[in-house]
């Protein structure tokens, strides 16, 4: 079994990352009635007077398109990427919140094998799985989830106090193992079944420092997470040993690197954004490592770094007045500037703010703001994706969907729906452009700091997980095309950067982390 420090969670999780759904309920400093862009419109009716609007929908749309797309030329994106790369380098030396070294020093060699227990602890779900690693064979068969059980973390679970929450986790582990035909054999072995956890909660050095997100088990703040879970499993008669704790972006690197050795970094883009990158230890300031002990059983020249990418971009990315409105009324203004501009938790709100202004200024929906649409965060990214994917010339499916969601008396006209769809396109294209600039900045950083290691590969693979990058219509494909153009324009002997889907990376990466931990024992 590994020493405790080797199974500790990274310093990267020292800063609590609030679940965006929880934050959304607290996001406005003032109630909607105090905000002109968020309160329902109450037009004053004056006899024989025609309302005067500032701009037609066509004129307003042109302004939106100009503001969101003026930075999306390849040369402009390259300039943004260079600014962002400079910020990344700076925070490698100074920031206590970003570019945090993990306790994962090696990447998998592809020879790891076995069956391992993996947990993913999210803000709203717990997923328990058995992960199989097989040496050799086709890539799709080498790393797979054999069995998985998903459980909701509802308010009743959040209210569990003391060890009850960990007993609940042990109960779910037992249910999953009982449902798998081969798993009961593990419970009869003298040696425990190794387990890894991928999570986003506030844990550091194996100790709970506050669960956040409404959990009430934080009376165990300062206790070792491994001990708490292993003791809960023992009470449930489960022979389990916790060997690895890792965050989701680092898990994405490990899961993809197990399949493709050219993988050096990974990014998560769903409701939020983060990335992890494998860098030389010498590229980080010594203070980043604190007083940790380095393992003596491996050659520790590199370390997996949690970038906390969401916190970057304030000095690099241009914003619009709608972005500034969202940021100003956020509970944590300027805390995660990149996330506010391009992640799935905010794209819908940006579009909603534009629609609200269009109703006020351009007579969209006859100048009447639907009550539901007046509520912050009432337009989600799933709806944006459905409208953008609508190829019907009349946009009839989108009109029907919009009417049903927002309880309109009549569906939007084709002209109104076309306006909304074009706004969505502008917002999503900017998200893709800024995301591509961030990817290029990270891959350029890797090229500059670890050039010698990259000589062994003909390209750099980037594992991509998250609902936006993997499921939003055409998102990854457009980003790949932009990346190719950026590399070609820079023309400094850079390796091609290839985006690869890394679905289920949290569980698979936790499984790989456990396999690596056991391989070096």
Protein backbone atom coordinates (compact mmCIF):
# COMPACT_ATOMS: atom_id res chain seq x y z
CA UNK A 1 0.00 0.00 0.00
CA UNK A 2 1.26 3.44 -0.83
CA UNK A 3 2.28 5.91 1.89
CA UNK A 4 -0.50 8.29 2.71
CA UNK A 5 1.15 11.23 0.96
CA UNK A 6 1.09 9.37 -2.35
CA UNK A 7 -2.64 8.85 -2.17
CA UNK A 8 -3.37 12.41 -1.19
CA UNK A 9 -5.45 14.74 -3.23
CA UNK A 10 -3.68 17.54 -4.99
CA UNK A 11 -3.15 21.02 -3.62
CA UNK A 12 -5.21 21.94 -6.65
CA UNK A 13 -8.38 21.23 -4.68
CA UNK A 14 -7.47 23.61 -1.87
CA UNK A 15 -9.68 26.29 -3.36
CA UNK A 16 -13.34 25.22 -3.22
CA UNK A 17 -14.98 25.20 -6.62
CA UNK A 18 -18.64 26.04 -6.14
CA UNK A 19 -21.11 24.11 -8.20
CA UNK A 20 -22.51 26.53 -10.75
CA UNK A 21 -26.07 25.43 -10.13
CA UNK A 22 -25.76 26.36 -6.47
CA UNK A 23 -24.03 29.61 -7.33
CA UNK A 24 -26.70 30.56 -9.83
CA UNK A 25 -29.26 30.91 -7.06
CA UNK A 26 -27.02 33.41 -5.30
CA UNK A 27 -25.60 35.06 -8.34
CA UNK A 28 -27.34 38.42 -8.23
CA UNK A 29 -26.36 40.95 -5.65
CA UNK A 30 -29.68 42.70 -6.16
CA UNK A 31 -33.09 41.13 -6.76
CA UNK A 32 -34.43 41.26 -10.34
CA UNK A 33 -36.71 44.17 -9.53
CA UNK A 34 -33.65 46.35 -8.98
CA UNK A 35 -32.08 45.50 -12.32
CA UNK A 36 -33.46 47.13 -15.48
CA UNK A 37 -32.23 44.28 -17.68
CA UNK A 38 -33.88 41.59 -15.56
CA UNK A 39 -37.28 42.88 -14.50
CA UNK A 40 -40.39 42.27 -16.63
CA UNK A 41 -41.18 45.16 -18.93
CA UNK A 42 -44.29 47.21 -18.17
CA UNK A 43 -44.80 49.48 -21.15
CA UNK A 44 -46.87 52.58 -20.57
CA UNK A 45 -49.81 52.78 -22.95
CA UNK A 46 -50.32 56.27 -24.35
CA UNK A 47 -53.24 56.82 -26.71
CA UNK A 48 -52.35 57.59 -30.35
CA UNK A 49 -48.61 57.31 -29.64
CA UNK A 50 -46.50 54.67 -31.38
CA UNK A 51 -43.65 53.25 -29.24
CA UNK A 52 -40.21 54.29 -30.48
CA UNK A 53 -37.51 51.59 -30.45
CA UNK A 54 -33.81 52.35 -30.73
CA UNK A 55 -32.93 49.82 -33.46
CA UNK A 56 -34.44 47.26 -35.76
CA UNK A 57 -33.73 43.60 -35.09
CA UNK A 58 -31.45 43.56 -38.13
CA UNK A 59 -29.37 46.49 -36.86
CA UNK A 60 -29.24 45.09 -33.34
CA UNK A 61 -28.17 41.67 -34.66
CA UNK A 62 -25.32 43.22 -36.65
CA UNK A 63 -24.06 44.86 -33.47
CA UNK A 64 -24.20 41.56 -31.59
CA UNK A 65 -22.35 39.76 -34.36
CA UNK A 66 -19.68 42.42 -34.53
CA UNK A 67 -19.10 42.45 -30.77
CA UNK A 68 -18.88 38.67 -30.45
CA UNK A 69 -17.08 37.77 -33.64
CA UNK A 70 -14.59 40.60 -34.20
CA UNK A 71 -11.89 38.73 -32.24
CA UNK A 72 -12.37 35.41 -34.05
CA UNK A 73 -10.01 35.96 -36.96
CA UNK A 74 -7.06 33.58 -36.83
CA UNK A 75 -4.51 36.37 -36.26
CA UNK A 76 -6.63 37.81 -33.45
CA UNK A 77 -7.01 34.41 -31.76
CA UNK A 78 -3.27 33.88 -32.01
CA UNK A 79 -2.69 37.21 -30.25
CA UNK A 80 -5.15 36.21 -27.50
CA UNK A 81 -3.38 32.85 -27.11
CA UNK A 82 -0.02 34.58 -26.64
CA UNK A 83 -1.45 36.83 -23.93
CA UNK A 84 -2.93 33.83 -22.20
CA UNK A 85 0.32 31.88 -22.45
CA UNK A 86 2.15 34.75 -20.76
CA UNK A 87 -0.39 34.61 -17.94
CA UNK A 88 0.07 30.84 -17.62
CA UNK A 89 3.85 31.22 -17.33
CA UNK A 90 3.50 33.98 -14.76
CA UNK A 91 1.24 31.89 -12.53
CA UNK A 92 3.60 28.94 -12.69
CA UNK A 93 5.84 31.08 -10.52
CA UNK A 94 3.53 33.06 -8.31
CA UNK A 95 -0.14 32.10 -7.91
CA UNK A 96 -1.30 30.07 -4.90
CA UNK A 97 -4.62 29.42 -6.68
CA UNK A 98 -3.58 28.29 -10.16
CA UNK A 99 -1.02 25.99 -11.80
CA UNK A 100 -0.93 23.67 -8.80
CA UNK A 101 1.26 20.56 -8.84
CA UNK A 102 -0.49 17.29 -8.04
CA UNK A 103 0.97 14.19 -6.43
CA UNK A 104 0.88 12.44 -9.81
CA UNK A 105 4.35 12.49 -11.35
CA UNK A 106 4.19 9.84 -14.06
CA UNK A 107 1.89 9.16 -16.96
CA UNK A 108 0.71 5.59 -17.52
CA UNK A 109 2.86 3.38 -19.76
CA UNK A 110 -0.06 1.36 -21.07
CA UNK A 111 1.10 -1.84 -19.38
CA UNK A 112 -0.99 -1.36 -16.25
CA UNK A 113 -3.74 -3.95 -15.92
CA UNK A 114 -6.35 -5.31 -13.56
CA UNK A 115 -9.82 -4.51 -12.24
CA UNK A 116 -10.26 -1.59 -9.88
CA UNK A 117 -13.03 0.19 -8.05
CA UNK A 118 -13.59 3.83 -9.07
CA UNK A 119 -15.77 6.53 -7.55
CA UNK A 120 -16.73 9.92 -8.95
CA UNK A 121 -18.08 12.31 -6.33
CA UNK A 122 -19.86 15.24 -7.98
CA UNK A 123 -22.08 18.01 -6.68
CA UNK A 124 -25.29 16.16 -7.53
CA UNK A 125 -24.32 12.54 -8.25
CA UNK A 126 -22.19 9.71 -6.94
CA UNK A 127 -21.02 7.19 -9.52
CA UNK A 128 -19.49 3.87 -8.55
CA UNK A 129 -17.88 1.65 -11.17
CA UNK A 130 -15.58 -1.28 -11.79
CA UNK A 131 -12.89 -0.35 -14.31
CA UNK A 132 -11.00 -2.94 -16.36
CA UNK A 133 -7.50 -2.27 -17.74
CA UNK A 134 -6.10 -4.74 -20.25
CA UNK A 135 -2.62 -4.74 -21.78
CA UNK A 136 -2.53 -4.93 -25.57
CA UNK A 137 -5.54 -5.24 -27.84
CA UNK A 138 -7.59 -2.54 -29.47
CA UNK A 139 -7.73 0.83 -27.76
CA UNK A 140 -11.48 0.67 -27.26
CA UNK A 141 -11.17 -2.62 -25.37
CA UNK A 142 -8.10 -1.84 -23.25
CA UNK A 143 -9.82 0.56 -20.87
CA UNK A 144 -13.50 0.18 -20.10
CA UNK A 145 -16.14 0.54 -17.42
CA UNK A 146 -17.39 -2.96 -16.69
CA UNK A 147 -20.25 -2.01 -14.41
CA UNK A 148 -21.55 1.31 -13.10
CA UNK A 149 -24.21 2.53 -10.68
CA UNK A 150 -25.25 6.19 -10.45
CA UNK A 151 -26.94 7.64 -7.35
CA UNK A 152 -28.35 11.12 -6.88
CA UNK A 153 -26.93 13.26 -4.10
CA UNK A 154 -30.17 14.96 -3.09
CA UNK A 155 -30.87 17.19 -0.10
CA UNK A 156 -31.56 14.19 2.10
CA UNK A 157 -28.08 12.85 1.38
CA UNK A 158 -26.50 16.29 1.82
CA UNK A 159 -28.11 16.53 5.25
CA UNK A 160 -26.44 13.33 6.45
CA UNK A 161 -24.23 14.17 9.38
CA UNK A 162 -21.13 12.61 10.84
CA UNK A 163 -20.10 9.29 9.36
CA UNK A 164 -23.58 8.74 7.89
CA UNK A 165 -22.56 10.27 4.55
CA UNK A 166 -19.59 7.92 4.26
CA UNK A 167 -21.78 4.98 5.29
CA UNK A 168 -24.10 5.96 2.44
CA UNK A 169 -21.15 5.86 0.03
CA UNK A 170 -20.18 2.41 1.34
CA UNK A 171 -23.77 1.25 0.86
CA UNK A 172 -23.70 2.33 -2.79
CA UNK A 173 -20.35 0.59 -3.30
CA UNK A 174 -21.85 -2.60 -1.90
CA UNK A 175 -24.90 -2.32 -4.18
CA UNK A 176 -22.72 -1.97 -7.26
CA UNK A 177 -20.47 -4.88 -6.31
CA UNK A 178 -23.46 -7.09 -5.57
CA UNK A 179 -24.93 -6.34 -9.00
CA UNK A 180 -21.74 -7.39 -10.82
CA UNK A 181 -21.41 -11.13 -11.40
CA UNK A 182 -17.63 -11.16 -10.99
CA UNK A 183 -17.28 -8.54 -8.26
CA UNK A 184 -18.33 -10.72 -5.26
CA UNK A 185 -15.13 -12.71 -5.78
CA UNK A 186 -13.17 -9.63 -4.75
CA UNK A 187 -14.92 -9.53 -1.40
CA UNK A 188 -13.72 -13.05 -0.58
CA UNK A 189 -10.06 -12.29 -1.23
CA UNK A 190 -7.64 -11.71 1.61
CA UNK A 191 -6.26 -8.70 -0.23
CA UNK A 192 -8.61 -5.68 -0.44
CA UNK A 193 -10.00 -4.37 -3.71
CA UNK A 194 -8.06 -1.16 -4.59
CA UNK A 195 -10.16 1.95 -5.13
CA UNK A 196 -9.63 5.40 -6.60
CA UNK A 197 -11.74 8.55 -6.28
CA UNK A 198 -12.18 11.40 -8.74
CA UNK A 199 -13.82 14.40 -7.14
CA UNK A 200 -14.20 18.16 -7.12
CA UNK A 201 -14.74 18.71 -3.41
CA UNK A 202 -12.46 20.66 -1.10
CA UNK A 203 -9.87 18.13 0.01
CA UNK A 204 -6.12 18.59 0.45
CA UNK A 205 -3.36 16.24 1.62
CA UNK A 206 -5.94 13.47 2.05
CA UNK A 207 -7.80 15.61 4.61
CA UNK A 208 -11.27 17.09 4.29
CA UNK A 209 -11.07 20.89 4.49
CA UNK A 210 -14.78 21.55 3.91
CA UNK A 211 -17.05 19.74 1.51
CA UNK A 212 -19.03 22.78 0.33
CA UNK A 213 -22.04 22.47 -1.97
CA UNK A 214 -24.43 22.08 0.97
CA UNK A 215 -22.88 18.97 2.56
CA UNK A 216 -23.22 18.59 6.33
CA UNK A 217 -20.44 16.05 6.92
CA UNK A 218 -17.87 18.82 7.34
CA UNK A 219 -17.67 18.14 11.09
CA UNK A 220 -14.95 15.77 9.89
CA UNK A 221 -12.92 18.64 8.53
CA UNK A 222 -9.25 17.77 8.92
CA UNK A 223 -9.85 14.02 8.99
CA UNK A 224 -8.24 11.74 6.43
CA UNK A 225 -10.70 10.94 3.66
CA UNK A 226 -9.14 7.52 3.08
CA UNK A 227 -9.63 6.52 6.70
CA UNK A 228 -13.26 7.69 6.74
CA UNK A 229 -14.20 5.77 3.59
CA UNK A 230 -12.23 2.63 4.48
CA UNK A 231 -13.81 2.56 7.95
CA UNK A 232 -17.27 2.96 6.41
CA UNK A 233 -16.55 0.07 4.03
CA UNK A 234 -15.34 -2.05 6.94
CA UNK A 235 -18.61 -1.40 8.78
CA UNK A 236 -20.40 -2.57 5.63
CA UNK A 237 -18.23 -5.72 5.45
CA UNK A 238 -16.51 -4.55 2.28
CA UNK A 239 -12.84 -5.36 1.77
CA UNK A 240 -11.84 -2.05 0.13
CA UNK A 241 -8.63 -0.01 0.19
CA UNK A 242 -8.43 3.59 -1.06
CA UNK A 243 -5.20 4.06 -3.02
CA UNK A 244 -5.70 7.20 -5.13
CA UNK A 245 -7.56 10.49 -5.03
CA UNK A 246 -7.46 12.69 -8.10
CA UNK A 247 -9.35 15.63 -9.56
CA UNK A 248 -11.36 15.40 -12.77
CA UNK A 249 -8.99 17.18 -15.16
CA UNK A 250 -6.00 15.12 -14.01
CA UNK A 251 -8.13 11.98 -14.39
CA UNK A 252 -8.82 13.00 -18.00
CA UNK A 253 -5.07 13.15 -18.72
CA UNK A 254 -4.45 9.71 -17.23
CA UNK A 255 -7.38 8.04 -18.96
CA UNK A 256 -6.41 9.37 -22.38
CA UNK A 257 -2.66 8.82 -21.89
CA UNK A 258 -3.29 5.16 -21.11
CA UNK A 259 -4.72 4.78 -24.64
CA UNK A 260 -2.53 7.33 -26.44
CA UNK A 261 1.02 8.00 -25.18
CA UNK A 262 1.14 11.30 -27.09
CA UNK A 263 -1.30 12.77 -24.54
CA UNK A 264 0.22 15.47 -22.35
CA UNK A 265 -2.82 17.49 -21.33
CA UNK A 266 -6.59 17.32 -21.04
CA UNK A 267 -9.44 19.77 -20.69
CA UNK A 268 -12.92 19.55 -19.19
CA UNK A 269 -15.55 21.82 -20.76
CA UNK A 270 -19.08 21.36 -19.51
CA UNK A 271 -20.88 23.66 -17.11
CA UNK A 272 -17.40 24.83 -16.12
CA UNK A 273 -13.88 24.56 -17.52
CA UNK A 274 -10.56 23.23 -16.25
CA UNK A 275 -7.41 21.62 -17.63
CA UNK A 276 -4.43 19.59 -16.46
CA UNK A 277 -1.01 19.46 -18.09
CA UNK A 278 2.14 17.35 -17.57
CA UNK A 279 5.13 19.68 -17.12
CA UNK A 280 8.73 19.52 -15.93
CA UNK A 281 9.00 20.06 -12.18
CA UNK A 282 11.69 22.65 -12.86
CA UNK A 283 9.13 24.88 -14.61
CA UNK A 284 7.27 25.53 -11.34
CA UNK A 285 8.50 27.71 -8.49
CA UNK A 286 9.68 25.56 -5.54
CA UNK A 287 7.15 27.23 -3.24
CA UNK A 288 4.40 25.47 -5.22
CA UNK A 289 5.44 22.16 -3.65
CA UNK A 290 5.51 23.29 -0.03
CA UNK A 291 7.25 20.80 2.23
CA UNK A 292 6.15 17.65 0.45
CA UNK A 293 8.28 14.56 0.22
CA UNK A 294 8.92 13.29 -3.28
CA UNK A 295 8.66 9.55 -3.92
CA UNK A 296 12.02 7.78 -4.16
CA UNK A 297 10.74 4.85 -6.23
CA UNK A 298 10.25 6.86 -9.43
CA UNK A 299 12.23 9.39 -11.41
CA UNK A 300 10.33 12.57 -10.57
CA UNK A 301 11.25 14.90 -13.40
CA UNK A 302 7.67 15.85 -14.31
CA UNK A 303 4.43 16.50 -12.47
CA UNK A 304 0.78 16.67 -13.47
CA UNK A 305 -0.38 20.26 -12.94
CA UNK A 306 -3.95 21.38 -12.27
CA UNK A 307 -4.23 24.70 -14.09
CA UNK A 308 -7.53 25.93 -12.62
CA UNK A 309 -8.02 27.27 -16.14
CA UNK A 310 -11.36 28.89 -15.32
CA UNK A 311 -9.51 31.61 -13.38
CA UNK A 312 -7.51 32.79 -16.39
CA UNK A 313 -8.34 35.21 -19.20
CA UNK A 314 -9.22 38.44 -17.42
CA UNK A 315 -6.34 40.27 -19.12
CA UNK A 316 -6.56 38.40 -22.41
CA UNK A 317 -10.18 38.03 -23.52
CA UNK A 318 -12.27 41.03 -24.70
CA UNK A 319 -15.77 41.24 -23.26
CA UNK A 320 -19.13 42.74 -24.21
CA UNK A 321 -21.56 44.74 -22.12
CA UNK A 322 -23.58 41.56 -21.48
CA UNK A 323 -20.49 39.80 -20.14
CA UNK A 324 -19.79 42.76 -17.90
CA UNK A 325 -23.37 42.73 -16.64
CA UNK A 326 -23.15 39.02 -15.79
CA UNK A 327 -19.80 39.46 -14.04
CA UNK A 328 -20.87 42.55 -12.09
CA UNK A 329 -23.90 40.77 -10.63
CA UNK A 330 -22.12 37.50 -9.96
CA UNK A 331 -21.54 36.49 -6.35
CA UNK A 332 -17.83 36.11 -7.24
CA UNK A 333 -17.03 38.75 -9.84
CA UNK A 334 -13.76 38.21 -11.72
CA UNK A 335 -13.16 34.91 -9.89
CA UNK A 336 -13.46 32.66 -12.97
CA UNK A 337 -13.40 35.03 -15.96
CA UNK A 338 -12.77 32.38 -18.62
CA UNK A 339 -15.61 30.21 -17.32
CA UNK A 340 -18.05 33.13 -17.37
CA UNK A 341 -17.27 33.76 -21.07
CA UNK A 342 -17.29 30.30 -22.62
CA UNK A 343 -18.53 27.50 -20.34
CA UNK A 344 -21.92 25.84 -20.53
CA UNK A 345 -23.12 27.21 -17.22
CA UNK A 346 -23.11 30.75 -18.64
CA UNK A 347 -23.72 30.62 -22.42
CA UNK A 348 -27.48 30.53 -21.97
CA UNK A 349 -27.44 33.47 -19.58
CA UNK A 350 -25.41 35.58 -22.01
CA UNK A 351 -27.95 34.83 -24.76
CA UNK A 352 -30.82 35.59 -22.38
CA UNK A 353 -29.40 39.00 -21.51
CA UNK A 354 -29.09 39.83 -25.22
CA UNK A 355 -32.69 38.74 -25.84
CA UNK A 356 -33.92 40.90 -22.94
CA UNK A 357 -32.19 43.94 -24.42
CA UNK A 358 -33.56 43.13 -27.88
CA UNK A 359 -37.08 43.11 -26.43
CA UNK A 360 -36.49 46.54 -24.94
CA UNK A 361 -34.77 48.10 -27.93
CA UNK A 362 -35.88 46.22 -31.04
CA UNK A 363 -39.49 45.12 -30.43
CA UNK A 364 -38.61 41.42 -30.21
CA UNK A 365 -41.72 39.51 -29.05
CA UNK A 366 -43.70 42.71 -29.55
CA UNK A 367 -41.76 44.41 -26.79
CA UNK A 368 -43.12 42.05 -24.11
CA UNK A 369 -40.73 40.08 -21.93
CA UNK A 370 -41.99 36.58 -21.07
CA UNK A 371 -42.14 36.14 -17.31
CA UNK A 372 -40.02 32.98 -17.29
CA UNK A 373 -37.40 34.57 -19.50
CA UNK A 374 -37.10 37.45 -17.02
CA UNK A 375 -35.57 35.05 -14.53
CA UNK A 376 -31.76 34.79 -14.50
CA UNK A 377 -30.36 31.50 -15.85
CA UNK A 378 -33.72 30.44 -17.27
CA UNK A 379 -32.16 29.73 -20.68
CA UNK A 380 -29.82 26.75 -20.58
CA UNK A 381 -27.16 25.48 -22.96
CA UNK A 382 -29.20 22.41 -23.90
CA UNK A 383 -31.84 24.70 -25.41
CA UNK A 384 -29.16 26.67 -27.26
CA UNK A 385 -27.79 23.44 -28.73
CA UNK A 386 -31.23 22.32 -29.91
CA UNK A 387 -31.91 25.64 -31.64
CA UNK A 388 -28.46 25.78 -33.25
CA UNK A 389 -28.91 22.24 -34.55
CA UNK A 390 -32.30 23.08 -36.12
CA UNK A 391 -31.80 22.94 -39.90
CA UNK A 392 -35.45 23.50 -40.82
CA UNK A 393 -35.70 26.66 -43.02
CA UNK A 394 -38.69 27.92 -41.04
CA UNK A 395 -37.14 26.91 -37.69
CA UNK A 396 -40.56 25.50 -36.81
CA UNK A 397 -39.18 22.96 -34.29
CA UNK A 398 -37.31 25.72 -32.47
CA UNK A 399 -40.35 27.98 -32.47
CA UNK A 400 -42.42 25.23 -30.87
CA UNK A 401 -39.75 24.40 -28.30
CA UNK A 402 -39.28 28.05 -27.34
CA UNK A 403 -43.02 28.56 -26.97
CA UNK A 404 -43.37 25.52 -24.71
CA UNK A 405 -40.39 26.33 -22.48
CA UNK A 406 -41.32 29.98 -21.94
CA UNK A 407 -45.13 29.62 -21.94
CA UNK A 408 -45.66 32.05 -24.83
CA UNK A 409 -49.23 32.65 -25.95
CA UNK A 410 -48.07 32.21 -29.53
CA UNK A 411 -44.85 30.84 -31.00
CA UNK A 412 -42.09 33.23 -32.10
CA UNK A 413 -42.29 34.28 -35.73
CA UNK A 414 -39.71 32.79 -38.11
CA UNK A 415 -38.03 36.20 -38.18
CA UNK A 416 -37.79 36.32 -34.38
CA UNK A 417 -36.51 32.75 -34.21
CA UNK A 418 -33.93 33.48 -36.88
CA UNK A 419 -32.74 36.44 -34.80
CA UNK A 420 -32.43 34.27 -31.69
CA UNK A 421 -30.60 31.52 -33.57
CA UNK A 422 -28.10 34.00 -35.02
CA UNK A 423 -27.45 35.38 -31.54
CA UNK A 424 -26.84 31.83 -30.31
CA UNK A 425 -24.43 31.21 -33.19
CA UNK A 426 -22.45 34.33 -32.32
CA UNK A 427 -22.20 33.41 -28.64
CA UNK A 428 -21.25 29.77 -29.31
CA UNK A 429 -18.71 30.74 -31.99
CA UNK A 430 -17.00 33.07 -29.54
CA UNK A 431 -16.94 30.27 -26.98
CA UNK A 432 -15.26 28.02 -29.54
CA UNK A 433 -12.76 30.72 -30.48
CA UNK A 434 -11.78 31.53 -26.90
CA UNK A 435 -11.60 27.82 -26.03
CA UNK A 436 -9.32 27.23 -29.03
CA UNK A 437 -7.08 30.11 -27.97
CA UNK A 438 -6.82 28.57 -24.49
CA UNK A 439 -5.92 25.16 -25.94
CA UNK A 440 -3.29 26.73 -28.19
CA UNK A 441 -1.83 28.64 -25.24
CA UNK A 442 -1.54 25.42 -23.20
CA UNK A 443 0.00 23.40 -26.04
CA UNK A 444 2.44 26.23 -26.79
CA UNK A 445 3.39 26.34 -23.11
CA UNK A 446 4.06 22.60 -23.27
CA UNK A 447 6.14 23.04 -26.41
CA UNK A 448 8.25 25.80 -24.86
CA UNK A 449 8.83 24.10 -21.49
CA UNK A 450 9.14 20.45 -22.51
CA UNK A 451 10.43 20.52 -26.07
CA UNK A 452 12.86 17.61 -25.68
CA UNK A 453 10.22 15.18 -24.42
CA UNK A 454 7.92 16.07 -27.32
CA UNK A 455 10.53 14.95 -29.84
CA UNK A 456 9.32 11.39 -29.30
CA UNK A 457 5.79 12.10 -30.58
CA UNK A 458 4.54 13.33 -33.95
CA UNK A 459 1.57 15.17 -32.48
CA UNK A 460 0.09 16.24 -29.15
CA UNK A 461 -3.17 14.60 -28.13
CA UNK A 462 -5.53 16.48 -25.85
CA UNK A 463 -8.18 14.53 -23.98
CA UNK A 464 -11.51 16.36 -24.00
CA UNK A 465 -14.39 15.62 -21.66
CA UNK A 466 -17.52 17.53 -20.73
CA UNK A 467 -20.97 18.07 -22.20
CA UNK A 468 -20.10 21.19 -24.22
CA UNK A 469 -16.94 20.05 -26.00
CA UNK A 470 -18.28 16.54 -26.66
CA UNK A 471 -22.00 17.11 -27.24
CA UNK A 472 -22.66 20.69 -28.41
CA UNK A 473 -23.30 20.52 -32.18
CA UNK A 474 -20.05 20.86 -34.14
CA UNK A 475 -18.12 22.29 -31.19
CA UNK A 476 -15.06 20.05 -31.21
CA UNK A 477 -14.88 19.94 -35.01
CA UNK A 478 -14.81 23.73 -35.33
CA UNK A 479 -12.22 24.02 -32.56
CA UNK A 480 -10.00 21.47 -34.30
CA UNK A 481 -10.21 23.42 -37.57
CA UNK A 482 -9.24 26.62 -35.76
CA UNK A 483 -6.37 24.90 -33.96
CA UNK A 484 -4.96 23.67 -37.27
CA UNK A 485 -5.07 27.21 -38.63
CA UNK A 486 -3.34 28.63 -35.53
CA UNK A 487 -0.51 26.09 -35.70
CA UNK A 488 -0.11 26.68 -39.44
CA UNK A 489 0.00 30.47 -39.05
CA UNK A 490 2.54 30.34 -36.23
CA UNK A 491 4.76 27.99 -38.26
CA UNK A 492 7.50 27.50 -35.65
CA UNK A 493 7.91 23.77 -36.05
CA UNK A 494 5.03 23.15 -33.66
CA UNK A 495 3.49 19.71 -33.37
CA UNK A 496 -0.06 19.28 -34.60
CA UNK A 497 -2.53 19.41 -31.75
CA UNK A 498 -5.33 16.83 -31.93
CA UNK A 499 -8.48 17.00 -29.83
CA UNK A 500 -9.65 13.55 -28.75
CA UNK A 501 -12.85 12.70 -26.92
CA UNK A 502 -12.21 11.36 -23.41
CA UNK A 503 -15.70 10.41 -22.28
CA UNK A 504 -16.15 9.00 -18.77
CA UNK A 505 -12.63 10.22 -18.01
CA UNK A 506 -13.25 10.78 -14.28
CA UNK A 507 -14.02 7.13 -13.54
CA UNK A 508 -11.56 5.73 -16.07
CA UNK A 509 -8.83 8.07 -14.87
CA UNK A 510 -9.45 7.11 -11.24
CA UNK A 511 -9.08 3.48 -12.31
CA UNK A 512 -5.81 4.21 -14.12
CA UNK A 513 -4.50 6.14 -11.10
CA UNK A 514 -5.14 3.12 -8.85
CA UNK A 515 -3.49 0.79 -11.36
CA UNK A 516 -0.42 3.03 -11.45
CA UNK A 517 -0.32 3.21 -7.65
CA UNK A 518 -0.33 -0.56 -7.37
CA UNK A 519 2.19 -0.98 -10.18
CA UNK A 520 4.88 0.98 -8.29
CA UNK A 521 4.32 -0.69 -4.96
